């Protein structure tokens, strides 16, 4: 199945609009939406798939490497969700990403440095599309997301910098 450009964006907008329409249905209903970026964790997701490749000295940027990568450390995401559940003043949509998005090539270079491995073998677009199908568009298109509203809510990141997050995860 081919997805139209912007398909994911349109689905998210419709989903959020539907969820937010429930605000005020009852006095005790509060809607908080956390827009989750790429979650960094060694036990799953994109990073878990990248670690073995870097361990074999075959790591490199995905696609051109020039696309934005908006990430969040698993622990920070869990803390943000807990805050959203308990902080009565939080309502509406919040970006669940670290405040420092990076380019894909930066992610791969940092990961290589933290692991003591090179980041030299890029994965071309066609290989990603063959391996991930439509999921490759998320990686290849990228998004530069800054969690301004999340920061304004007083949320404090333990892993605001990519290197710190990768050191914690890979160590």
N, C-alpha and C. Protein backbone atom coordinates (compact mmCIF):
# COMPACT_ATOMS: atom_id res chain seq x y z
N UNK A 1 0.85 -1.19 0.00
CA UNK A 1 0.00 0.00 0.00
C UNK A 1 0.88 1.24 0.00
N UNK A 2 0.69 2.12 -0.94
CA UNK A 2 1.44 3.37 -1.02
C UNK A 2 0.71 4.43 -0.18
N UNK A 3 1.48 5.16 0.59
CA UNK A 3 0.91 6.23 1.40
C UNK A 3 1.14 7.55 0.68
N UNK A 4 0.14 8.40 0.67
CA UNK A 4 0.27 9.71 0.04
C UNK A 4 1.23 10.57 0.87
N UNK A 5 1.92 11.52 0.20
CA UNK A 5 2.79 12.43 0.97
C UNK A 5 1.98 13.13 2.05
N UNK A 6 2.54 13.20 3.22
CA UNK A 6 1.85 13.85 4.32
C UNK A 6 0.78 12.99 4.97
N UNK A 7 0.71 11.73 4.60
CA UNK A 7 -0.33 10.85 5.14
C UNK A 7 -0.26 10.77 6.66
N UNK A 8 0.93 10.54 7.18
CA UNK A 8 1.09 10.42 8.63
C UNK A 8 0.69 11.72 9.31
N UNK A 9 1.07 12.83 8.73
CA UNK A 9 0.70 14.14 9.28
C UNK A 9 -0.81 14.31 9.33
N UNK A 10 -1.48 13.94 8.23
CA UNK A 10 -2.94 14.07 8.18
C UNK A 10 -3.63 13.16 9.20
N UNK A 11 -3.15 11.94 9.35
CA UNK A 11 -3.73 11.02 10.34
C UNK A 11 -3.56 11.60 11.74
N UNK A 12 -2.38 12.10 12.04
CA UNK A 12 -2.12 12.68 13.37
C UNK A 12 -3.02 13.89 13.63
N UNK A 13 -3.16 14.76 12.64
CA UNK A 13 -4.00 15.95 12.82
C UNK A 13 -5.45 15.55 13.10
N UNK A 14 -5.95 14.58 12.37
CA UNK A 14 -7.34 14.14 12.57
C UNK A 14 -7.50 13.47 13.94
N UNK A 15 -6.54 12.65 14.31
CA UNK A 15 -6.59 11.96 15.59
C UNK A 15 -6.58 12.98 16.74
N UNK A 16 -5.67 13.97 16.64
CA UNK A 16 -5.59 14.98 17.69
C UNK A 16 -6.87 15.80 17.77
N UNK A 17 -7.41 16.19 16.62
CA UNK A 17 -8.65 16.99 16.62
C UNK A 17 -9.78 16.22 17.28
N UNK A 18 -9.87 14.94 16.99
CA UNK A 18 -10.92 14.11 17.60
C UNK A 18 -10.71 14.02 19.11
N UNK A 19 -9.48 13.78 19.52
CA UNK A 19 -9.20 13.68 20.96
C UNK A 19 -9.49 15.00 21.67
N UNK A 20 -9.06 16.11 21.09
CA UNK A 20 -9.25 17.41 21.72
C UNK A 20 -10.72 17.83 21.75
N UNK A 21 -11.53 17.28 20.85
CA UNK A 21 -12.96 17.61 20.86
C UNK A 21 -13.64 17.08 22.12
N UNK A 22 -12.99 16.17 22.83
CA UNK A 22 -13.56 15.63 24.06
C UNK A 22 -13.32 16.53 25.27
N UNK A 23 -12.48 17.56 25.12
CA UNK A 23 -12.25 18.50 26.22
C UNK A 23 -13.58 19.11 26.65
N UNK A 24 -13.81 19.13 27.92
CA UNK A 24 -15.01 19.74 28.46
C UNK A 24 -16.24 18.85 28.43
N UNK A 25 -16.11 17.61 27.97
CA UNK A 25 -17.25 16.69 27.96
C UNK A 25 -17.73 16.47 29.39
N UNK A 26 -16.80 16.41 30.30
CA UNK A 26 -17.12 16.28 31.72
C UNK A 26 -16.11 17.13 32.49
N UNK A 27 -16.50 17.53 33.69
CA UNK A 27 -15.62 18.40 34.48
C UNK A 27 -14.28 17.74 34.82
N UNK A 28 -14.29 16.43 34.96
CA UNK A 28 -13.06 15.75 35.37
C UNK A 28 -12.28 15.15 34.20
N UNK A 29 -12.59 15.56 32.97
CA UNK A 29 -11.88 15.06 31.80
C UNK A 29 -10.89 16.12 31.33
N UNK A 30 -9.64 15.69 31.24
CA UNK A 30 -8.57 16.57 30.78
C UNK A 30 -7.82 15.81 29.69
N UNK A 31 -7.69 16.40 28.52
CA UNK A 31 -7.03 15.73 27.39
C UNK A 31 -5.61 16.25 27.26
N UNK A 32 -4.65 15.33 27.30
CA UNK A 32 -3.24 15.66 27.07
C UNK A 32 -2.74 14.70 25.99
N UNK A 33 -2.16 15.27 24.96
CA UNK A 33 -1.60 14.49 23.87
C UNK A 33 -0.09 14.66 23.90
N UNK A 34 0.62 13.55 23.89
CA UNK A 34 2.09 13.60 23.81
C UNK A 34 2.47 13.09 22.43
N UNK A 35 3.04 13.98 21.63
CA UNK A 35 3.51 13.63 20.29
C UNK A 35 4.91 13.05 20.45
N UNK A 36 5.02 11.76 20.27
CA UNK A 36 6.26 11.05 20.60
C UNK A 36 7.21 11.02 19.41
N UNK A 37 8.45 11.43 19.66
CA UNK A 37 9.50 11.35 18.64
C UNK A 37 10.08 9.94 18.63
N UNK A 38 11.23 9.78 18.02
CA UNK A 38 11.89 8.48 17.97
C UNK A 38 12.46 8.21 19.36
N UNK A 39 12.01 7.14 19.99
CA UNK A 39 12.43 6.82 21.35
C UNK A 39 13.74 6.05 21.30
N UNK A 40 14.75 6.56 22.01
CA UNK A 40 16.04 5.89 22.07
C UNK A 40 16.09 4.96 23.26
N UNK A 41 16.35 3.68 22.95
CA UNK A 41 16.43 2.64 23.96
C UNK A 41 17.20 1.48 23.36
N UNK A 42 17.98 0.80 24.15
CA UNK A 42 18.76 -0.31 23.60
C UNK A 42 17.94 -1.57 23.36
N UNK A 43 16.75 -1.63 23.94
CA UNK A 43 15.94 -2.85 23.86
C UNK A 43 14.89 -2.83 22.76
N UNK A 44 14.81 -1.77 21.98
CA UNK A 44 13.80 -1.74 20.93
C UNK A 44 13.94 -0.52 20.05
N UNK A 45 13.19 -0.51 18.99
CA UNK A 45 13.16 0.63 18.10
C UNK A 45 14.38 0.76 17.21
N UNK A 46 14.53 1.94 16.65
CA UNK A 46 15.57 2.20 15.66
C UNK A 46 16.98 1.98 16.22
N UNK A 47 17.23 2.47 17.41
CA UNK A 47 18.57 2.36 17.98
C UNK A 47 18.96 0.90 18.21
N UNK A 48 18.04 0.09 18.68
CA UNK A 48 18.33 -1.33 18.90
C UNK A 48 18.73 -2.02 17.60
N UNK A 49 18.16 -1.56 16.48
CA UNK A 49 18.53 -2.14 15.18
C UNK A 49 19.87 -1.61 14.68
N UNK A 50 20.23 -0.41 15.12
CA UNK A 50 21.49 0.19 14.68
C UNK A 50 22.69 -0.33 15.46
N UNK A 51 22.49 -0.65 16.74
CA UNK A 51 23.61 -1.05 17.60
C UNK A 51 24.42 -2.23 17.04
N UNK A 52 23.79 -3.33 16.62
CA UNK A 52 24.59 -4.45 16.10
C UNK A 52 25.39 -4.09 14.85
N UNK A 53 24.82 -3.23 14.02
CA UNK A 53 25.53 -2.82 12.80
C UNK A 53 26.77 -2.02 13.16
N UNK A 54 26.65 -1.11 14.11
CA UNK A 54 27.82 -0.33 14.55
C UNK A 54 28.83 -1.23 15.26
N UNK A 55 28.34 -2.21 16.02
CA UNK A 55 29.26 -3.14 16.70
C UNK A 55 30.10 -3.92 15.70
N UNK A 56 29.56 -4.15 14.50
CA UNK A 56 30.29 -4.87 13.45
C UNK A 56 31.12 -3.92 12.58
N UNK A 57 31.29 -2.66 13.02
CA UNK A 57 32.07 -1.66 12.30
C UNK A 57 31.47 -1.33 10.94
N UNK A 58 30.16 -1.45 10.79
CA UNK A 58 29.51 -1.21 9.50
C UNK A 58 28.46 -0.10 9.59
N UNK A 59 28.55 0.76 10.60
CA UNK A 59 27.54 1.80 10.80
C UNK A 59 27.74 2.98 9.88
N UNK A 60 26.65 3.69 9.68
CA UNK A 60 26.69 4.90 8.87
C UNK A 60 25.32 5.54 8.81
N UNK A 61 25.28 6.71 8.21
CA UNK A 61 24.04 7.47 8.13
C UNK A 61 23.00 6.73 7.29
N UNK A 62 21.75 6.96 7.63
CA UNK A 62 20.64 6.40 6.87
C UNK A 62 20.19 7.43 5.84
N UNK A 63 20.06 7.00 4.60
CA UNK A 63 19.69 7.93 3.54
C UNK A 63 20.78 8.95 3.33
N UNK A 64 20.39 10.18 3.07
CA UNK A 64 21.36 11.25 2.80
C UNK A 64 22.10 11.67 4.07
N UNK A 65 21.49 11.42 5.22
CA UNK A 65 22.07 11.86 6.49
C UNK A 65 21.72 13.31 6.81
N UNK A 66 21.12 14.01 5.86
CA UNK A 66 20.80 15.43 6.04
C UNK A 66 19.39 15.66 6.58
N UNK A 67 18.65 14.58 6.80
CA UNK A 67 17.29 14.72 7.32
C UNK A 67 17.32 14.86 8.85
N UNK A 68 16.34 15.58 9.37
CA UNK A 68 16.27 15.80 10.82
C UNK A 68 15.82 14.55 11.54
N UNK A 69 16.32 14.41 12.75
CA UNK A 69 16.01 13.26 13.60
C UNK A 69 15.61 13.81 14.97
N UNK A 70 14.33 13.78 15.26
CA UNK A 70 13.82 14.26 16.55
C UNK A 70 13.64 13.06 17.46
N UNK A 71 14.41 13.03 18.51
CA UNK A 71 14.56 11.86 19.36
C UNK A 71 14.18 12.21 20.81
N UNK A 72 14.04 11.17 21.62
CA UNK A 72 13.84 11.35 23.06
C UNK A 72 14.36 10.10 23.76
N UNK A 73 15.02 10.27 24.88
CA UNK A 73 15.47 9.14 25.69
C UNK A 73 14.24 8.52 26.35
N UNK A 74 14.18 7.22 26.40
CA UNK A 74 13.04 6.50 26.97
C UNK A 74 12.69 7.01 28.37
N UNK A 75 13.68 7.23 29.21
CA UNK A 75 13.40 7.68 30.59
C UNK A 75 12.74 9.06 30.61
N UNK A 76 13.21 9.97 29.75
CA UNK A 76 12.58 11.29 29.69
C UNK A 76 11.14 11.19 29.20
N UNK A 77 10.88 10.33 28.23
CA UNK A 77 9.52 10.17 27.74
C UNK A 77 8.62 9.64 28.86
N UNK A 78 9.08 8.65 29.59
CA UNK A 78 8.29 8.11 30.71
C UNK A 78 8.01 9.18 31.75
N UNK A 79 9.00 10.00 32.05
CA UNK A 79 8.81 11.08 33.03
C UNK A 79 7.82 12.12 32.51
N UNK A 80 7.88 12.42 31.20
CA UNK A 80 6.94 13.38 30.62
C UNK A 80 5.51 12.84 30.68
N UNK A 81 5.33 11.59 30.38
CA UNK A 81 3.98 11.00 30.44
C UNK A 81 3.45 11.02 31.87
N UNK A 82 4.31 10.71 32.83
CA UNK A 82 3.88 10.78 34.24
C UNK A 82 3.49 12.19 34.62
N UNK A 83 4.25 13.17 34.16
CA UNK A 83 3.90 14.57 34.45
C UNK A 83 2.56 14.92 33.81
N UNK A 84 2.34 14.48 32.58
CA UNK A 84 1.08 14.77 31.90
C UNK A 84 -0.11 14.16 32.64
N UNK A 85 0.10 13.00 33.23
CA UNK A 85 -0.97 12.34 33.98
C UNK A 85 -1.29 13.04 35.30
N UNK A 86 -0.28 13.66 35.89
CA UNK A 86 -0.45 14.20 37.24
C UNK A 86 -0.54 15.72 37.32
N UNK A 87 -0.05 16.43 36.33
CA UNK A 87 -0.04 17.90 36.38
C UNK A 87 -1.35 18.44 35.82
N UNK A 88 -2.22 18.88 36.69
CA UNK A 88 -3.55 19.35 36.29
C UNK A 88 -3.49 20.49 35.28
N UNK A 89 -2.42 21.28 35.30
CA UNK A 89 -2.33 22.43 34.40
C UNK A 89 -1.98 22.03 32.96
N UNK A 90 -1.55 20.80 32.78
CA UNK A 90 -1.22 20.37 31.41
C UNK A 90 -2.49 19.94 30.69
N UNK A 91 -2.70 20.54 29.52
CA UNK A 91 -3.84 20.23 28.67
C UNK A 91 -3.45 20.49 27.23
N UNK A 92 -3.93 19.66 26.31
CA UNK A 92 -3.62 19.87 24.90
C UNK A 92 -2.42 19.05 24.46
N UNK A 93 -1.77 19.51 23.40
CA UNK A 93 -0.68 18.74 22.78
C UNK A 93 0.70 19.22 23.24
N UNK A 94 1.58 18.26 23.49
CA UNK A 94 2.96 18.51 23.89
C UNK A 94 3.87 17.60 23.06
N UNK A 95 4.99 18.15 22.62
CA UNK A 95 5.95 17.34 21.86
C UNK A 95 6.83 16.54 22.82
N UNK A 96 6.82 15.23 22.64
CA UNK A 96 7.63 14.33 23.45
C UNK A 96 8.94 14.03 22.73
N UNK A 97 9.73 15.08 22.54
CA UNK A 97 11.04 14.95 21.91
C UNK A 97 12.05 15.74 22.74
N UNK A 98 13.31 15.39 22.60
CA UNK A 98 14.37 16.15 23.28
C UNK A 98 14.43 17.55 22.65
N UNK A 99 14.94 18.52 23.39
CA UNK A 99 14.99 19.89 22.86
C UNK A 99 16.10 20.11 21.83
N UNK A 100 16.83 19.06 21.48
CA UNK A 100 17.95 19.21 20.56
C UNK A 100 17.87 18.19 19.41
N UNK A 101 16.98 18.42 18.43
CA UNK A 101 16.96 17.52 17.29
C UNK A 101 18.30 17.60 16.56
N UNK A 102 18.66 16.52 15.90
CA UNK A 102 19.95 16.47 15.19
C UNK A 102 19.72 15.95 13.77
N UNK A 103 20.71 16.14 12.93
CA UNK A 103 20.67 15.53 11.61
C UNK A 103 21.02 14.06 11.75
N UNK A 104 20.51 13.23 10.87
CA UNK A 104 20.77 11.79 10.92
C UNK A 104 22.26 11.48 10.95
N UNK A 105 23.04 12.22 10.16
CA UNK A 105 24.48 11.95 10.16
C UNK A 105 25.11 12.29 11.51
N UNK A 106 24.57 13.30 12.21
CA UNK A 106 25.05 13.62 13.55
C UNK A 106 24.75 12.47 14.52
N UNK A 107 23.54 11.94 14.43
CA UNK A 107 23.18 10.80 15.27
C UNK A 107 24.17 9.66 15.06
N UNK A 108 24.42 9.33 13.81
CA UNK A 108 25.30 8.20 13.51
C UNK A 108 26.75 8.48 13.92
N UNK A 109 27.21 9.70 13.72
CA UNK A 109 28.56 10.05 14.15
C UNK A 109 28.70 9.97 15.67
N UNK A 110 27.72 10.50 16.38
CA UNK A 110 27.73 10.44 17.86
C UNK A 110 27.68 9.00 18.35
N UNK A 111 26.82 8.19 17.74
CA UNK A 111 26.71 6.79 18.13
C UNK A 111 28.03 6.07 17.91
N UNK A 112 28.66 6.32 16.77
CA UNK A 112 29.96 5.72 16.49
C UNK A 112 31.00 6.13 17.52
N UNK A 113 31.03 7.40 17.85
CA UNK A 113 32.01 7.88 18.84
C UNK A 113 31.78 7.26 20.21
N UNK A 114 30.53 7.24 20.64
CA UNK A 114 30.20 6.67 21.96
C UNK A 114 30.57 5.19 22.01
N UNK A 115 30.37 4.48 20.90
CA UNK A 115 30.66 3.04 20.85
C UNK A 115 32.11 2.74 20.50
N UNK A 116 32.89 3.79 20.15
CA UNK A 116 34.27 3.57 19.72
C UNK A 116 34.34 2.86 18.37
N UNK A 117 33.38 3.19 17.51
CA UNK A 117 33.29 2.57 16.18
C UNK A 117 33.15 3.66 15.13
N UNK A 118 33.55 3.38 13.91
CA UNK A 118 33.40 4.38 12.85
C UNK A 118 31.95 4.48 12.38
N UNK A 119 31.63 5.60 11.81
CA UNK A 119 30.35 5.80 11.13
C UNK A 119 30.71 6.15 9.70
N UNK A 120 30.81 5.15 8.87
CA UNK A 120 31.39 5.38 7.54
C UNK A 120 30.60 4.76 6.39
N UNK A 121 29.67 3.87 6.68
CA UNK A 121 28.99 3.14 5.61
C UNK A 121 27.52 3.55 5.53
N UNK A 122 27.20 4.54 4.69
CA UNK A 122 25.81 4.99 4.62
C UNK A 122 24.89 3.93 4.04
N UNK A 123 23.64 3.97 4.47
CA UNK A 123 22.61 3.06 3.95
C UNK A 123 21.80 3.87 2.95
N UNK A 124 21.83 3.50 1.66
CA UNK A 124 21.11 4.30 0.65
C UNK A 124 19.60 4.19 0.79
N UNK A 125 18.91 5.19 0.26
CA UNK A 125 17.45 5.25 0.32
C UNK A 125 16.80 3.95 -0.15
N UNK A 126 17.23 3.43 -1.30
CA UNK A 126 16.57 2.26 -1.86
C UNK A 126 16.67 1.05 -0.93
N UNK A 127 17.80 0.93 -0.21
CA UNK A 127 17.96 -0.20 0.72
C UNK A 127 17.01 -0.06 1.91
N UNK A 128 16.86 1.17 2.39
CA UNK A 128 15.92 1.40 3.49
C UNK A 128 14.49 1.12 3.06
N UNK A 129 14.13 1.54 1.86
CA UNK A 129 12.78 1.30 1.36
C UNK A 129 12.53 -0.19 1.20
N UNK A 130 13.54 -0.92 0.75
CA UNK A 130 13.38 -2.37 0.59
C UNK A 130 13.22 -3.06 1.94
N UNK A 131 13.96 -2.58 2.94
CA UNK A 131 13.93 -3.21 4.26
C UNK A 131 12.73 -2.78 5.10
N UNK A 132 12.36 -1.50 5.01
CA UNK A 132 11.32 -0.96 5.89
C UNK A 132 10.00 -0.66 5.20
N UNK A 133 9.96 -0.76 3.89
CA UNK A 133 8.74 -0.43 3.17
C UNK A 133 8.36 1.02 3.40
N UNK A 134 7.07 1.25 3.64
CA UNK A 134 6.58 2.62 3.86
C UNK A 134 7.15 3.24 5.14
N UNK A 135 7.58 2.38 6.07
CA UNK A 135 8.20 2.90 7.30
C UNK A 135 9.45 3.70 7.03
N UNK A 136 10.06 3.49 5.88
CA UNK A 136 11.27 4.23 5.53
C UNK A 136 11.01 5.72 5.38
N UNK A 137 9.78 6.10 5.05
CA UNK A 137 9.50 7.53 4.86
C UNK A 137 9.69 8.31 6.16
N UNK A 138 9.41 7.68 7.29
CA UNK A 138 9.60 8.35 8.58
C UNK A 138 11.08 8.68 8.78
N UNK A 139 11.95 7.74 8.40
CA UNK A 139 13.40 7.93 8.56
C UNK A 139 13.94 8.86 7.50
N UNK A 140 13.51 8.68 6.27
CA UNK A 140 14.09 9.43 5.15
C UNK A 140 13.58 10.86 5.07
N UNK A 141 12.35 11.12 5.51
CA UNK A 141 11.82 12.48 5.45
C UNK A 141 12.28 13.30 6.65
N UNK A 142 12.23 12.70 7.82
CA UNK A 142 12.66 13.38 9.05
C UNK A 142 11.78 14.57 9.40
N UNK A 143 11.91 15.02 10.63
CA UNK A 143 11.22 16.21 11.11
C UNK A 143 12.07 16.88 12.17
N UNK A 144 12.10 18.20 12.13
CA UNK A 144 12.79 18.97 13.15
C UNK A 144 11.74 19.47 14.13
N UNK A 145 11.63 18.77 15.26
CA UNK A 145 10.61 19.09 16.26
C UNK A 145 11.30 19.66 17.49
N UNK A 146 10.82 20.81 17.94
CA UNK A 146 11.33 21.42 19.17
C UNK A 146 10.17 21.46 20.17
N UNK A 147 10.37 20.92 21.37
CA UNK A 147 9.27 20.81 22.35
C UNK A 147 9.07 22.08 23.18
N UNK A 148 8.79 23.17 22.50
CA UNK A 148 8.68 24.46 23.18
C UNK A 148 7.62 24.45 24.29
N UNK A 149 6.45 23.93 24.00
CA UNK A 149 5.38 23.91 25.00
C UNK A 149 5.73 22.99 26.16
N UNK A 150 6.42 21.89 25.87
CA UNK A 150 6.86 20.97 26.91
C UNK A 150 7.84 21.67 27.84
N UNK A 151 8.79 22.40 27.27
CA UNK A 151 9.76 23.14 28.08
C UNK A 151 9.06 24.23 28.89
N UNK A 152 8.11 24.91 28.28
CA UNK A 152 7.38 25.97 28.99
C UNK A 152 6.53 25.43 30.12
N UNK A 153 6.22 24.13 30.09
CA UNK A 153 5.43 23.52 31.18
C UNK A 153 6.29 23.29 32.42
N UNK A 154 7.60 23.51 32.28
CA UNK A 154 8.50 23.29 33.40
C UNK A 154 9.16 21.93 33.38
N UNK A 155 8.89 21.15 32.36
CA UNK A 155 9.52 19.83 32.28
C UNK A 155 11.02 19.98 32.08
N UNK A 156 11.77 19.20 32.84
CA UNK A 156 13.24 19.26 32.78
C UNK A 156 13.76 17.92 32.24
N UNK A 157 14.52 18.00 31.17
CA UNK A 157 15.09 16.80 30.56
C UNK A 157 16.35 16.36 31.27
N UNK A 158 16.47 15.08 31.54
CA UNK A 158 17.72 14.52 32.06
C UNK A 158 18.71 14.31 30.93
N UNK A 159 18.15 14.05 29.73
CA UNK A 159 18.98 13.76 28.56
C UNK A 159 18.60 14.71 27.43
N UNK A 160 18.98 15.96 27.59
CA UNK A 160 18.68 16.97 26.56
C UNK A 160 19.67 16.89 25.41
N UNK A 161 20.85 16.37 25.69
CA UNK A 161 21.90 16.26 24.65
C UNK A 161 22.02 14.82 24.20
N UNK A 162 22.14 14.63 22.90
CA UNK A 162 22.19 13.30 22.31
C UNK A 162 23.34 12.47 22.88
N UNK A 163 24.52 13.06 22.99
CA UNK A 163 25.67 12.30 23.49
C UNK A 163 25.41 11.73 24.88
N UNK A 164 24.79 12.53 25.76
CA UNK A 164 24.49 12.05 27.11
C UNK A 164 23.49 10.89 27.06
N UNK A 165 22.48 11.00 26.20
CA UNK A 165 21.49 9.93 26.06
C UNK A 165 22.16 8.65 25.55
N UNK A 166 22.98 8.78 24.52
CA UNK A 166 23.63 7.59 23.95
C UNK A 166 24.60 6.96 24.95
N UNK A 167 25.31 7.78 25.70
CA UNK A 167 26.23 7.22 26.71
C UNK A 167 25.45 6.41 27.75
N UNK A 168 24.31 6.94 28.17
CA UNK A 168 23.50 6.22 29.15
C UNK A 168 22.98 4.89 28.58
N UNK A 169 22.55 4.92 27.36
CA UNK A 169 21.94 3.73 26.75
C UNK A 169 22.97 2.68 26.39
N UNK A 170 24.08 3.11 25.83
CA UNK A 170 25.10 2.17 25.33
C UNK A 170 25.99 1.63 26.44
N UNK A 171 26.14 2.40 27.50
CA UNK A 171 27.06 2.01 28.60
C UNK A 171 26.67 0.71 29.25
